[in-house]
Protein backbone atom coordinates (compact mmCIF):
# COMPACT_ATOMS: atom_id res chain seq x y z
CA MET A 1 0.00 0.00 0.00
CA GLU A 2 2.77 2.47 0.90
CA PHE A 3 4.34 2.16 -2.55
CA ASN A 4 1.00 2.87 -4.23
CA ILE A 5 0.41 5.96 -2.11
CA LEU A 6 3.91 7.28 -2.80
CA PHE A 7 3.47 6.60 -6.52
CA TRP A 8 0.32 8.73 -6.64
CA LEU A 9 1.74 11.48 -4.41
CA PHE A 10 4.81 11.83 -6.62
CA THR A 11 2.60 11.79 -9.72
CA LYS A 12 0.40 14.54 -8.30
CA HIS A 13 3.59 16.43 -7.39
CA ILE A 14 4.81 16.76 -10.96
CA ILE A 15 1.33 17.77 -12.09
CA ALA A 16 0.88 20.46 -9.43
CA ASP A 17 4.51 21.62 -9.25
CA TYR A 18 5.32 21.71 -12.97
CA TYR A 19 2.34 21.20 -15.26
CA MET A 20 -0.08 23.42 -13.33
CA GLN A 21 2.17 26.06 -11.80
CA TYR A 22 1.72 29.38 -13.57
CA PRO A 23 3.73 32.63 -13.44
CA TRP A 24 1.15 34.30 -11.18
CA MET A 25 1.79 31.46 -8.71
CA PHE A 26 5.58 31.27 -8.69
CA LYS A 27 6.52 34.89 -9.27
CA TYR A 28 6.06 36.03 -5.65
CA LYS A 29 6.60 32.84 -3.62
CA GLY A 30 9.30 34.72 -1.71
CA THR A 31 6.67 37.19 -0.44
CA TYR A 32 5.11 35.61 2.63
CA GLY A 33 1.32 35.43 2.33
CA HIS A 34 1.16 36.31 -1.38
CA ILE A 35 -1.88 34.76 -3.08
CA GLY A 36 0.20 33.04 -5.79
CA GLY A 37 2.24 30.94 -3.38
CA LEU A 38 -0.83 30.24 -1.27
CA ALA A 39 -2.84 29.10 -4.29
CA HIS A 40 0.01 26.84 -5.42
CA ALA A 41 0.27 25.23 -1.97
CA LYS A 42 -3.50 24.83 -1.73
CA LEU A 43 -3.48 23.06 -5.10
CA HIS A 44 -0.97 20.60 -3.68
CA GLY A 45 -3.11 20.12 -0.59
CA LEU A 46 -6.24 19.57 -2.68
CA PHE A 47 -4.54 17.02 -4.92
CA THR A 48 -3.07 15.23 -1.89
CA PHE A 49 -6.55 15.10 -0.37
CA ILE A 50 -7.93 13.60 -3.60
CA VAL A 51 -5.14 11.01 -3.79
CA LEU A 52 -5.51 10.01 -0.16
CA LEU A 53 -9.28 9.59 -0.40
CA ASN A 54 -8.38 6.31 -2.12
CA PHE A 55 -6.46 5.13 0.96
CA ALA A 56 -7.99 6.87 3.99
CA ASN A 57 -11.21 8.25 5.39
CA PRO A 58 -12.11 11.82 4.35
CA PHE A 59 -11.05 13.40 7.66
CA THR A 60 -7.60 11.79 7.56
CA ALA A 61 -7.18 12.68 3.88
CA PHE A 62 -8.14 16.28 4.67
CA VAL A 63 -5.70 16.59 7.60
CA LEU A 64 -2.84 15.10 5.59
CA GLY A 65 -3.70 17.33 2.61
CA ALA A 66 -3.58 20.35 4.93
CA ILE A 67 -0.20 19.25 6.30
CA ASP A 68 1.08 18.89 2.74
CA ALA A 69 -0.18 22.37 1.80
CA ILE A 70 1.39 24.00 4.86
CA LEU A 71 4.74 22.26 4.43
CA HIS A 72 4.75 22.83 0.67
CA TYR A 73 4.14 26.54 1.12
CA HIS A 74 6.98 26.94 3.60
CA ILE A 75 9.45 24.79 1.66
CA ASP A 76 8.83 26.90 -1.45
CA TYR A 77 9.09 30.12 0.57
CA VAL A 78 12.50 29.10 1.95
CA LYS A 79 13.68 28.12 -1.53
CA ASN A 80 12.71 31.50 -2.90
CA LYS A 81 14.33 33.37 -0.01
CA LEU A 82 17.54 31.43 -0.69
CA TRP A 83 17.37 32.38 -4.36
CA GLU A 84 16.97 36.02 -3.27
CA LYS A 85 19.90 35.80 -0.85
CA PHE A 86 22.10 33.94 -3.34
CA PRO A 87 21.03 35.24 -6.77
CA THR A 88 21.50 32.54 -9.35
CA THR A 89 20.27 31.21 -12.68
CA PRO A 90 19.72 27.68 -14.04
CA SER A 91 23.17 27.88 -15.63
CA GLU A 92 24.80 27.83 -12.18
CA GLN A 93 25.26 24.88 -9.84
CA LYS A 94 23.90 26.70 -6.78
CA TYR A 95 20.55 27.11 -8.54
CA TRP A 96 20.28 23.32 -8.90
CA VAL A 97 21.49 22.68 -5.35
CA ILE A 98 18.70 24.89 -4.00
CA HIS A 99 16.10 23.53 -6.42
CA GLY A 100 17.11 19.92 -5.80
CA THR A 101 17.01 20.38 -2.03
CA ASP A 102 13.53 21.88 -2.41
CA GLN A 103 12.39 18.83 -4.37
CA LEU A 104 13.94 16.46 -1.82
CA ALA A 105 12.08 18.26 0.98
CA HIS A 106 8.80 17.83 -0.91
CA GLY A 107 9.57 14.14 -1.41
CA MET A 108 10.35 13.72 2.28
CA THR A 109 6.98 15.32 3.01
CA TYR A 110 5.29 12.48 1.14
CA PHE A 111 7.21 9.89 3.17
CA LEU A 112 6.07 11.70 6.33
CA LEU A 113 2.43 11.70 5.17
CA VAL A 114 2.56 7.98 4.39
CA HIS A 115 4.18 7.28 7.76
CA LEU A 116 1.45 9.24 9.56
CA LEU A 117 -1.25 7.44 7.59
CA VAL A 118 0.08 3.90 7.85
CA HIS A 119 0.87 4.15 11.55
CA GLY A 120 -2.49 5.72 12.40
CA HIS A 121 -1.12 9.02 13.70
CA VAL A 122 -3.98 10.97 12.13
């Protein structure tokens, strides 16, 4: 079961993080509370909720979706603050170090969500 959940969470991640992230969402993710970053994080939370409805009751799926949205928002915020502090472009290694660490943190979030679900912590 855990593998199936992770498969769908990572699939929803590429959809929400790459296919459905628009300039109005990512442009101001370094501004705390900006609607673009909030909308992007809420999209992740909604998609996580939808995925987890296949594996958990609605309340648990909602709580885990909310945790995903909150963590996603803050991970992206930190990434953008780092890019502001250390200006970089995709042609530089530090850009990819920051971006890759951001993606790892999102992946670790999914392992946390699965752990919470499987061990009945929610």
